[in-house]
Amino acid sequence: MRNYDLESEPKIILIILSEGNKCGNSQMDNEKPINIKKKEIPIWEKKYLTIPEAIKYSNIGDNNLKIMLNKPECDFVVYLGNRKLINRQGFEEYLNTLHSL
């Protein structure tokens, strides 16, 4: 099973064929990696946040946020495999109802 890193920048390998290799032969003369820049989406526009993004967004500490996410009334947590994501709109609504942490 492969472990895919979703945070890294995708790369495309550009294959340049020589003049004598017009038939699309499988020989590769030159390989040049091309980096593609991902458009960075601001945190306040994302639908789902990771735990570090939620910490930056809400200014709640790591331990307090993890305690909050483990409570049974926490309905804004979404699991992607074993990874926790936070529904930003539900998180905002929950924070608006709180008087203290």
PDB file of N, CA and C in Angstrom:
ATOM      1  N   MET A   1       0.837  -1.162   0.000  1.00  0.00           N
ATOM      2  CA  MET A   1       0.000   0.000   0.000  1.00  0.00           C
ATOM      3  C   MET A   1       0.894   1.240   0.000  1.00  0.00           C
ATOM      4  N   ARG A   2       0.618   2.168  -0.873  1.00  0.00           N
ATOM      5  CA  ARG A   2       1.419   3.371  -0.973  1.00  0.00           C
ATOM      6  C   ARG A   2       0.921   4.426  -0.004  1.00  0.00           C
ATOM      7  N   ASN A   3       1.850   5.201   0.510  1.00  0.00           N
ATOM      8  CA  ASN A   3       1.522   6.303   1.392  1.00  0.00           C
ATOM      9  C   ASN A   3       1.660   7.588   0.583  1.00  0.00           C
ATOM     10  N   TYR A   4       0.546   8.224   0.266  1.00  0.00           N
ATOM     11  CA  TYR A   4       0.557   9.418  -0.543  1.00  0.00           C
ATOM     12  C   TYR A   4       0.611  10.648   0.343  1.00  0.00           C
ATOM     13  N   ASP A   5       1.489  11.576   0.014  1.00  0.00           N
ATOM     14  CA  ASP A   5       1.610  12.822   0.750  1.00  0.00           C
ATOM     15  C   ASP A   5       0.794  13.869   0.014  1.00  0.00           C
ATOM     16  N   LEU A   6      -0.336  14.280   0.608  1.00  0.00           N
ATOM     17  CA  LEU A   6      -1.237  15.216  -0.049  1.00  0.00           C
ATOM     18  C   LEU A   6      -0.761  16.654   0.058  1.00  0.00           C
ATOM     19  N   GLU A   7       0.200  16.927   0.929  1.00  0.00           N
ATOM     20  CA  GLU A   7       0.654  18.281   1.145  1.00  0.00           C
ATOM     21  C   GLU A   7       1.793  18.679   0.202  1.00  0.00           C
ATOM     22  N   SER A   8       2.461  17.713  -0.425  1.00  0.00           N
ATOM     23  CA  SER A   8       3.596  18.043  -1.272  1.00  0.00           C
ATOM     24  C   SER A   8       3.120  18.560  -2.627  1.00  0.00           C
ATOM     25  N   GLU A   9       3.995  19.293  -3.288  1.00  0.00           N
ATOM     26  CA  GLU A   9       3.665  19.842  -4.593  1.00  0.00           C
ATOM     27  C   GLU A   9       3.738  18.749  -5.652  1.00  0.00           C
ATOM     28  N   PRO A  10       2.746  18.702  -6.542  1.00  0.00           N
ATOM     29  CA  PRO A  10       2.791  17.693  -7.601  1.00  0.00           C
ATOM     30  C   PRO A  10       3.896  18.019  -8.606  1.00  0.00           C
ATOM     31  N   LYS A  11       4.468  16.991  -9.201  1.00  0.00           N
ATOM     32  CA  LYS A  11       5.518  17.181 -10.194  1.00  0.00           C
ATOM     33  C   LYS A  11       5.136  16.444 -11.465  1.00  0.00           C
ATOM     34  N   ILE A  12       5.482  17.042 -12.584  1.00  0.00           N
ATOM     35  CA  ILE A  12       5.262  16.430 -13.891  1.00  0.00           C
ATOM     36  C   ILE A  12       6.630  16.255 -14.531  1.00  0.00           C
ATOM     37  N   ILE A  13       6.864  15.098 -15.096  1.00  0.00           N
ATOM     38  CA  ILE A  13       8.115  14.837 -15.803  1.00  0.00           C
ATOM     39  C   ILE A  13       7.872  15.112 -17.286  1.00  0.00           C
ATOM     40  N   LEU A  14       8.640  16.015 -17.843  1.00  0.00           N
ATOM     41  CA  LEU A  14       8.552  16.358 -19.252  1.00  0.00           C
ATOM     42  C   LEU A  14       9.567  15.507 -20.003  1.00  0.00           C
ATOM     43  N   ILE A  15       9.089  14.747 -20.964  1.00  0.00           N
ATOM     44  CA  ILE A  15       9.958  13.875 -21.747  1.00  0.00           C
ATOM     45  C   ILE A  15      10.202  14.542 -23.096  1.00  0.00           C
ATOM     46  N   ILE A  16      11.460  14.787 -23.411  1.00  0.00           N
ATOM     47  CA  ILE A  16      11.837  15.402 -24.684  1.00  0.00           C
ATOM     48  C   ILE A  16      12.485  14.333 -25.538  1.00  0.00           C
ATOM     49  N   LEU A  17      11.900  14.111 -26.678  1.00  0.00           N
ATOM     50  CA  LEU A  17      12.422  13.090 -27.587  1.00  0.00           C
ATOM     51  C   LEU A  17      13.345  13.738 -28.605  1.00  0.00           C
ATOM     52  N   SER A  18      14.367  13.034 -29.009  1.00  0.00           N
ATOM     53  CA  SER A  18      15.293  13.571 -30.008  1.00  0.00           C
ATOM     54  C   SER A  18      14.655  13.502 -31.386  1.00  0.00           C
ATOM     55  N   GLU A  19      15.272  14.149 -32.341  1.00  0.00           N
ATOM     56  CA  GLU A  19      14.756  14.179 -33.709  1.00  0.00           C
ATOM     57  C   GLU A  19      14.628  12.783 -34.308  1.00  0.00           C
ATOM     58  N   GLY A  20      15.538  11.896 -34.012  1.00  0.00           N
ATOM     59  CA  GLY A  20      15.513  10.557 -34.567  1.00  0.00           C
ATOM     60  C   GLY A  20      14.485   9.658 -33.893  1.00  0.00           C
ATOM     61  N   ASN A  21      13.850  10.130 -32.862  1.00  0.00           N
ATOM     62  CA  ASN A  21      12.927   9.317 -32.084  1.00  0.00           C
ATOM     63  C   ASN A  21      11.500   9.852 -32.219  1.00  0.00           C
ATOM     64  N   LYS A  22      11.031  10.054 -33.461  1.00  0.00           N
ATOM     65  CA  LYS A  22       9.722  10.638 -33.713  1.00  0.00           C
ATOM     66  C   LYS A  22       8.587   9.643 -33.554  1.00  0.00           C
ATOM     67  N   CYS A  23       8.865   8.366 -33.542  1.00  0.00           N
ATOM     68  CA  CYS A  23       7.821   7.348 -33.483  1.00  0.00           C
ATOM     69  C   CYS A  23       7.279   7.148 -32.079  1.00  0.00           C
ATOM     70  N   GLY A  24       7.799   7.816 -31.106  1.00  0.00           N
ATOM     71  CA  GLY A  24       7.334   7.621 -29.739  1.00  0.00           C
ATOM     72  C   GLY A  24       7.934   6.383 -29.112  1.00  0.00           C
ATOM     73  N   ASN A  25       9.143   6.053 -29.504  1.00  0.00           N
ATOM     74  CA  ASN A  25       9.832   4.910 -28.940  1.00  0.00           C
ATOM     75  C   ASN A  25       9.963   5.110 -27.436  1.00  0.00           C
ATOM     76  N   SER A  26      10.097   4.055 -26.690  1.00  0.00           N
ATOM     77  CA  SER A  26      10.109   4.150 -25.233  1.00  0.00           C
ATOM     78  C   SER A  26      11.422   4.675 -24.665  1.00  0.00           C
ATOM     79  N   GLN A  27      12.406   4.960 -25.534  1.00  0.00           N
ATOM     80  CA  GLN A  27      13.665   5.510 -25.047  1.00  0.00           C
ATOM     81  C   GLN A  27      13.463   6.970 -24.654  1.00  0.00           C
ATOM     82  N   MET A  28      13.966   7.330 -23.486  1.00  0.00           N
ATOM     83  CA  MET A  28      13.876   8.713 -23.038  1.00  0.00           C
ATOM     84  C   MET A  28      15.259   9.328 -23.107  1.00  0.00           C
ATOM     85  N   ASP A  29      15.359  10.445 -23.854  1.00  0.00           N
ATOM     86  CA  ASP A  29      16.641  11.110 -23.974  1.00  0.00           C
ATOM     87  C   ASP A  29      16.890  12.054 -22.794  1.00  0.00           C
ATOM     88  N   ASN A  30      15.916  12.867 -22.480  1.00  0.00           N
ATOM     89  CA  ASN A  30      16.069  13.859 -21.412  1.00  0.00           C
ATOM     90  C   ASN A  30      14.816  13.858 -20.544  1.00  0.00           C
ATOM     91  N   GLU A  31      14.992  13.972 -19.260  1.00  0.00           N
ATOM     92  CA  GLU A  31      13.870  14.141 -18.341  1.00  0.00           C
ATOM     93  C   GLU A  31      14.092  15.432 -17.587  1.00  0.00           C
ATOM     94  N   LYS A  32      13.082  16.307 -17.605  1.00  0.00           N
ATOM     95  CA  LYS A  32      13.167  17.557 -16.871  1.00  0.00           C
ATOM     96  C   LYS A  32      11.933  17.678 -15.988  1.00  0.00           C
ATOM     97  N   PRO A  33      12.107  17.692 -14.667  1.00  0.00           N
ATOM     98  CA  PRO A  33      10.937  17.860 -13.796  1.00  0.00           C
ATOM     99  C   PRO A  33      10.420  19.292 -13.849  1.00  0.00           C
ATOM    100  N   ILE A  34       9.110  19.430 -13.881  1.00  0.00           N
ATOM    101  CA  ILE A  34       8.463  20.734 -13.874  1.00  0.00           C
ATOM    102  C   ILE A  34       7.622  20.807 -12.614  1.00  0.00           C
ATOM    103  N   ASN A  35       7.834  21.823 -11.801  1.00  0.00           N
ATOM    104  CA  ASN A  35       7.046  22.011 -10.587  1.00  0.00           C
ATOM    105  C   ASN A  35       5.798  22.813 -10.913  1.00  0.00           C
ATOM    106  N   ILE A  36       4.666  22.351 -10.401  1.00  0.00           N
ATOM    107  CA  ILE A  36       3.405  23.050 -10.577  1.00  0.00           C
ATOM    108  C   ILE A  36       3.015  23.641  -9.231  1.00  0.00           C
ATOM    109  N   LYS A  37       2.777  24.925  -9.192  1.00  0.00           N
ATOM    110  CA  LYS A  37       2.388  25.595  -7.955  1.00  0.00           C
ATOM    111  C   LYS A  37       0.888  25.425  -7.746  1.00  0.00           C
ATOM    112  N   LYS A  38       0.507  24.950  -6.536  1.00  0.00           N
ATOM    113  CA  LYS A  38      -0.898  24.841  -6.201  1.00  0.00           C
ATOM    114  C   LYS A  38      -1.399  26.200  -5.744  1.00  0.00           C
ATOM    115  N   LYS A  39      -2.634  26.514  -6.101  1.00  0.00           N
ATOM    116  CA  LYS A  39      -3.230  27.750  -5.632  1.00  0.00           C
ATOM    117  C   LYS A  39      -3.538  27.579  -4.148  1.00  0.00           C
ATOM    118  N   GLU A  40      -2.997  28.444  -3.324  1.00  0.00           N
ATOM    119  CA  GLU A  40      -3.194  28.373  -1.876  1.00  0.00           C
ATOM    120  C   GLU A  40      -4.545  28.982  -1.530  1.00  0.00           C
ATOM    121  N   ILE A  41      -5.392  28.188  -0.883  1.00  0.00           N
ATOM    122  CA  ILE A  41      -6.721  28.636  -0.481  1.00  0.00           C
ATOM    123  C   ILE A  41      -6.630  29.142   0.951  1.00  0.00           C
ATOM    124  N   PRO A  42      -7.147  30.356   1.218  1.00  0.00           N
ATOM    125  CA  PRO A  42      -7.117  30.866   2.597  1.00  0.00           C
ATOM    126  C   PRO A  42      -7.940  29.979   3.528  1.00  0.00           C
ATOM    127  N   ILE A  43      -7.555  29.939   4.802  1.00  0.00           N
ATOM    128  CA  ILE A  43      -8.212  29.074   5.784  1.00  0.00           C
ATOM    129  C   ILE A  43      -9.693  29.400   5.893  1.00  0.00           C
ATOM    130  N   TRP A  44     -10.060  30.668   5.873  1.00  0.00           N
ATOM    131  CA  TRP A  44     -11.463  31.053   6.060  1.00  0.00           C
ATOM    132  C   TRP A  44     -12.348  30.700   4.872  1.00  0.00           C
ATOM    133  N   GLU A  45     -11.772  30.248   3.754  1.00  0.00           N
ATOM    134  CA  GLU A  45     -12.553  29.815   2.598  1.00  0.00           C
ATOM    135  C   GLU A  45     -12.619  28.296   2.471  1.00  0.00           C
ATOM    136  N   LYS A  46     -11.851  27.570   3.270  1.00  0.00           N
ATOM    137  CA  LYS A  46     -11.847  26.112   3.185  1.00  0.00           C
ATOM    138  C   LYS A  46     -13.090  25.532   3.837  1.00  0.00           C
ATOM    139  N   LYS A  47     -13.584  24.441   3.292  1.00  0.00           N
ATOM    140  CA  LYS A  47     -14.740  23.765   3.874  1.00  0.00           C
ATOM    141  C   LYS A  47     -14.323  22.899   5.058  1.00  0.00           C
ATOM    142  N   TYR A  48     -13.195  22.210   4.951  1.00  0.00           N
ATOM    143  CA  TYR A  48     -12.690  21.346   6.012  1.00  0.00           C
ATOM    144  C   TYR A  48     -11.299  21.806   6.416  1.00  0.00           C
ATOM    145  N   LEU A  49     -11.042  21.788   7.712  1.00  0.00           N
ATOM    146  CA  LEU A  49      -9.756  22.204   8.254  1.00  0.00           C
ATOM    147  C   LEU A  49      -9.047  21.024   8.904  1.00  0.00           C
ATOM    148  N   THR A  50      -7.742  21.019   8.818  1.00  0.00           N
ATOM    149  CA  THR A  50      -6.960  20.068   9.598  1.00  0.00           C
ATOM    150  C   THR A  50      -6.837  20.623  11.014  1.00  0.00           C
ATOM    151  N   ILE A  51      -6.343  19.828  11.936  1.00  0.00           N
ATOM    152  CA  ILE A  51      -6.205  20.294  13.325  1.00  0.00           C
ATOM    153  C   ILE A  51      -5.250  21.490  13.423  1.00  0.00           C
ATOM    154  N   PRO A  52      -4.065  21.478  12.763  1.00  0.00           N
ATOM    155  CA  PRO A  52      -3.211  22.672  12.835  1.00  0.00           C
ATOM    156  C   PRO A  52      -3.872  23.923  12.233  1.00  0.00           C
ATOM    157  N   GLU A  53      -4.657  23.759  11.166  1.00  0.00           N
ATOM    158  CA  GLU A  53      -5.358  24.906  10.583  1.00  0.00           C
ATOM    159  C   GLU A  53      -6.433  25.423  11.531  1.00  0.00           C
ATOM    160  N   ALA A  54      -7.148  24.522  12.203  1.00  0.00           N
ATOM    161  CA  ALA A  54      -8.184  24.926  13.159  1.00  0.00           C
ATOM    162  C   ALA A  54      -7.559  25.645  14.348  1.00  0.00           C
ATOM    163  N   ILE A  55      -6.362  25.233  14.758  1.00  0.00           N
ATOM    164  CA  ILE A  55      -5.666  25.916  15.851  1.00  0.00           C
ATOM    165  C   ILE A  55      -5.333  27.343  15.445  1.00  0.00           C
ATOM    166  N   LYS A  56      -4.809  27.535  14.244  1.00  0.00           N
ATOM    167  CA  LYS A  56      -4.492  28.880  13.758  1.00  0.00           C
ATOM    168  C   LYS A  56      -5.759  29.718  13.586  1.00  0.00           C
ATOM    169  N   TYR A  57      -6.808  29.091  13.066  1.00  0.00           N
ATOM    170  CA  TYR A  57      -8.048  29.805  12.759  1.00  0.00           C
ATOM    171  C   TYR A  57      -8.763  30.273  14.026  1.00  0.00           C
ATOM    172  N   SER A  58      -8.792  29.428  15.058  1.00  0.00           N
ATOM    173  CA  SER A  58      -9.587  29.734  16.244  1.00  0.00           C
ATOM    174  C   SER A  58      -8.762  30.265  17.414  1.00  0.00           C
ATOM    175  N   ASN A  59      -7.450  30.125  17.346  1.00  0.00           N
ATOM    176  CA  ASN A  59      -6.559  30.515  18.430  1.00  0.00           C
ATOM    177  C   ASN A  59      -6.852  29.715  19.706  1.00  0.00           C
ATOM    178  N   ILE A  60      -7.304  28.484  19.542  1.00  0.00           N
ATOM    179  CA  ILE A  60      -7.509  27.554  20.654  1.00  0.00           C
ATOM    180  C   ILE A  60      -6.289  26.642  20.683  1.00  0.00           C
ATOM    181  N   GLY A  61      -5.819  26.324  21.864  1.00  0.00           N
ATOM    182  CA  GLY A  61      -4.631  25.482  22.003  1.00  0.00           C
ATOM    183  C   GLY A  61      -4.867  24.059  21.526  1.00  0.00           C
ATOM    184  N   ASP A  62      -3.781  23.369  21.274  1.00  0.00           N
ATOM    185  CA  ASP A  62      -3.800  22.007  20.753  1.00  0.00           C
ATOM    186  C   ASP A  62      -4.548  21.053  21.688  1.00  0.00           C
ATOM    187  N   ASN A  63      -4.210  21.080  22.969  1.00  0.00           N
ATOM    188  CA  ASN A  63      -4.843  20.168  23.920  1.00  0.00           C
ATOM    189  C   ASN A  63      -6.332  20.451  24.077  1.00  0.00           C
ATOM    190  N   ASN A  64      -6.701  21.731  24.197  1.00  0.00           N
ATOM    191  CA  ASN A  64      -8.116  22.077  24.351  1.00  0.00           C
ATOM    192  C   ASN A  64      -8.922  21.682  23.115  1.00  0.00           C
ATOM    193  N   LEU A  65      -8.347  21.871  21.939  1.00  0.00           N
ATOM    194  CA  LEU A  65      -9.062  21.501  20.716  1.00  0.00           C
ATOM    195  C   LEU A  65      -9.254  19.992  20.633  1.00  0.00           C
ATOM    196  N   LYS A  66      -8.234  19.227  20.977  1.00  0.00           N
ATOM    197  CA  LYS A  66      -8.361  17.764  20.930  1.00  0.00           C
ATOM    198  C   LYS A  66      -9.375  17.260  21.947  1.00  0.00           C
ATOM    199  N   ILE A  67      -9.435  17.874  23.131  1.00  0.00           N
ATOM    200  CA  ILE A  67     -10.448  17.509  24.120  1.00  0.00           C
ATOM    201  C   ILE A  67     -11.842  17.825  23.573  1.00  0.00           C
ATOM    202  N   MET A  68     -11.976  18.992  22.933  1.00  0.00           N
ATOM    203  CA  MET A  68     -13.253  19.396  22.355  1.00  0.00           C
ATOM    204  C   MET A  68     -13.697  18.434  21.257  1.00  0.00           C
ATOM    205  N   LEU A  69     -12.759  17.960  20.442  1.00  0.00           N
ATOM    206  CA  LEU A  69     -13.092  17.068  19.331  1.00  0.00           C
ATOM    207  C   LEU A  69     -13.472  15.669  19.807  1.00  0.00           C
ATOM    208  N   ASN A  70     -13.036  15.270  20.995  1.00  0.00           N
ATOM    209  CA  ASN A  70     -13.351  13.937  21.517  1.00  0.00           C
ATOM    210  C   ASN A  70     -14.675  13.887  22.279  1.00  0.00           C
ATOM    211  N   LYS A  71     -15.319  15.031  22.478  1.00  0.00           N
ATOM    212  CA  LYS A  71     -16.607  15.050  23.181  1.00  0.00           C
ATOM    213  C   LYS A  71     -17.688  14.453  22.283  1.00  0.00           C
ATOM    214  N   PRO A  72     -18.683  13.766  22.878  1.00  0.00           N
ATOM    215  CA  PRO A  72     -19.739  13.152  22.064  1.00  0.00           C
ATOM    216  C   PRO A  72     -20.640  14.160  21.351  1.00  0.00           C
ATOM    217  N   GLU A  73     -20.795  15.367  21.885  1.00  0.00           N
ATOM    218  CA  GLU A  73     -21.664  16.363  21.231  1.00  0.00           C
ATOM    219  C   GLU A  73     -20.967  17.088  20.081  1.00  0.00           C
ATOM    220  N   CYS A  74     -19.730  16.733  19.819  1.00  0.00           N
ATOM    221  CA  CYS A  74     -18.975  17.343  18.727  1.00  0.00           C
ATOM    222  C   CYS A  74     -19.421  16.707  17.405  1.00  0.00           C
ATOM    223  N   ASP A  75     -20.249  17.439  16.653  1.00  0.00           N
ATOM    224  CA  ASP A  75     -20.786  16.895  15.401  1.00  0.00           C
ATOM    225  C   ASP A  75     -20.149  17.520  14.162  1.00  0.00           C
ATOM    226  N   PHE A  76     -19.074  18.268  14.328  1.00  0.00           N
ATOM    227  CA  PHE A  76     -18.425  18.901  13.180  1.00  0.00           C
ATOM    228  C   PHE A  76     -17.117  18.221  12.783  1.00  0.00           C
ATOM    229  N   VAL A  77     -16.846  17.037  13.341  1.00  0.00           N
ATOM    230  CA  VAL A  77     -15.647  16.280  12.995  1.00  0.00           C
ATOM    231  C   VAL A  77     -15.984  15.292  11.892  1.00  0.00           C
ATOM    232  N   VAL A  78     -15.136  15.236  10.884  1.00  0.00           N
ATOM    233  CA  VAL A  78     -15.289  14.301   9.768  1.00  0.00           C
ATOM    234  C   VAL A  78     -14.022  13.463   9.724  1.00  0.00           C
ATOM    235  N   TYR A  79     -14.175  12.166   9.568  1.00  0.00           N
ATOM    236  CA  TYR A  79     -13.021  11.266   9.496  1.00  0.00           C
ATOM    237  C   TYR A  79     -12.751  10.890   8.049  1.00  0.00           C
ATOM    238  N   LEU A  80     -11.527  11.075   7.625  1.00  0.00           N
ATOM    239  CA  LEU A  80     -11.061  10.644   6.313  1.00  0.00           C
ATOM    240  C   LEU A  80     -10.038   9.557   6.583  1.00  0.00           C
ATOM    241  N   GLY A  81     -10.512   8.302   6.599  1.00  0.00           N
ATOM    242  CA  GLY A  81      -9.676   7.200   7.060  1.00  0.00           C
ATOM    243  C   GLY A  81      -9.504   7.347   8.556  1.00  0.00           C
ATOM    244  N   ASN A  82      -8.277   7.462   9.020  1.00  0.00           N
ATOM    245  CA  ASN A  82      -8.048   7.709  10.442  1.00  0.00           C
ATOM    246  C   ASN A  82      -7.648   9.158  10.705  1.00  0.00           C
ATOM    247  N   ARG A  83      -7.809  10.011   9.718  1.00  0.00           N
ATOM    248  CA  ARG A  83      -7.449  11.418   9.813  1.00  0.00           C
ATOM    249  C   ARG A  83      -8.680  12.244  10.169  1.00  0.00           C
ATOM    250  N   LYS A  84      -8.545  13.127  11.155  1.00  0.00           N
ATOM    251  CA  LYS A  84      -9.653  13.978  11.576  1.00  0.00           C
ATOM    252  C   LYS A  84      -9.627  15.286  10.794  1.00  0.00           C
ATOM    253  N   LEU A  85     -10.764  15.630  10.221  1.00  0.00           N
ATOM    254  CA  LEU A  85     -10.942  16.932   9.598  1.00  0.00           C
ATOM    255  C   LEU A  85     -12.089  17.633  10.312  1.00  0.00           C
ATOM    256  N   ILE A  86     -12.082  18.947  10.289  1.00  0.00           N
ATOM    257  CA  ILE A  86     -13.070  19.733  10.999  1.00  0.00           C
ATOM    258  C   ILE A  86     -13.869  20.538   9.996  1.00  0.00           C
ATOM    259  N   ASN A  87     -15.195  20.363  10.024  1.00  0.00           N
ATOM    260  CA  ASN A  87     -16.081  21.153   9.181  1.00  0.00           C
ATOM    261  C   ASN A  87     -16.055  22.578   9.718  1.00  0.00           C
ATOM    262  N   ARG A  88     -15.545  23.514   8.916  1.00  0.00           N
ATOM    263  CA  ARG A  88     -15.316  24.876   9.381  1.00  0.00           C
ATOM    264  C   ARG A  88     -16.601  25.579   9.793  1.00  0.00           C
ATOM    265  N   GLN A  89     -17.675  25.438   9.006  1.00  0.00           N
ATOM    266  CA  GLN A  89     -18.925  26.125   9.334  1.00  0.00           C
ATOM    267  C   GLN A  89     -19.528  25.584  10.626  1.00  0.00           C
ATOM    268  N   GLY A  90     -19.531  24.271  10.799  1.00  0.00           N
ATOM    269  CA  GLY A  90     -20.035  23.682  12.033  1.00  0.00           C
ATOM    270  C   GLY A  90     -19.183  24.081  13.225  1.00  0.00           C
ATOM    271  N   PHE A  91     -17.875  24.165  13.026  1.00  0.00           N
ATOM    272  CA  PHE A  91     -16.951  24.579  14.071  1.00  0.00           C
ATOM    273  C   PHE A  91     -17.231  26.016  14.492  1.00  0.00           C
ATOM    274  N   GLU A  92     -17.458  26.905  13.516  1.00  0.00           N
ATOM    275  CA  GLU A  92     -17.783  28.304  13.818  1.00  0.00           C
ATOM    276  C   GLU A  92     -19.091  28.406  14.596  1.00  0.00           C
ATOM    277  N   GLU A  93     -20.123  27.649  14.164  1.00  0.00           N
ATOM    278  CA  GLU A  93     -21.409  27.675  14.858  1.00  0.00           C
ATOM    279  C   GLU A  93     -21.264  27.180  16.294  1.00  0.00           C
ATOM    280  N   TYR A  94     -20.477  26.129  16.494  1.00  0.00           N
ATOM    281  CA  TYR A  94     -20.251  25.594  17.834  1.00  0.00           C
ATOM    282  C   TYR A  94     -19.531  26.625  18.710  1.00  0.00           C
ATOM    283  N   LEU A  95     -18.519  27.299  18.146  1.00  0.00           N
ATOM    284  CA  LEU A  95     -17.782  28.302  18.923  1.00  0.00           C
ATOM    285  C   LEU A  95     -18.658  29.494  19.275  1.00  0.00           C
ATOM    286  N   ASN A  96     -19.618  29.837  18.405  1.00  0.00           N
ATOM    287  CA  ASN A  96     -20.514  30.966  18.675  1.00  0.00           C
ATOM    288  C   ASN A  96     -21.469  30.657  19.827  1.00  0.00           C
ATOM    289  N   THR A  97     -21.752  29.383  20.090  1.00  0.00           N
ATOM    290  CA  THR A  97     -22.660  29.030  21.185  1.00  0.00           C
ATOM    291  C   THR A  97     -21.940  28.948  22.530  1.00  0.00           C
ATOM    292  N   LEU A  98     -20.615  28.877  22.510  1.00  0.00           N
ATOM    293  CA  LEU A  98     -19.858  28.735  23.764  1.00  0.00           C
ATOM    294  C   LEU A  98     -19.723  30.073  24.481  1.00  0.00           C
ATOM    295  N   HIS A  99     -19.754  30.011  25.804  1.00  0.00           N
ATOM    296  CA  HIS A  99     -19.471  31.196  26.616  1.00  0.00           C
ATOM    297  C   HIS A  99     -18.070  31.122  27.212  1.00  0.00           C
ATOM    298  N   SER A 100     -17.561  29.909  27.405  1.00  0.00           N
ATOM    299  CA  SER A 100     -16.195  29.730  27.898  1.00  0.00           C
ATOM    300  C   SER A 100     -15.705  28.358  27.474  1.00  0.00           C
ATOM    301  N   LEU A 101     -14.403  28.173  27.481  1.00  0.00           N
ATOM    302  CA  LEU A 101     -13.799  26.888  27.131  1.00  0.00           C
ATOM    303  C   LEU A 101     -13.277  26.200  28.366  1.00  0.00           C
TER     304      LEU A 101
END
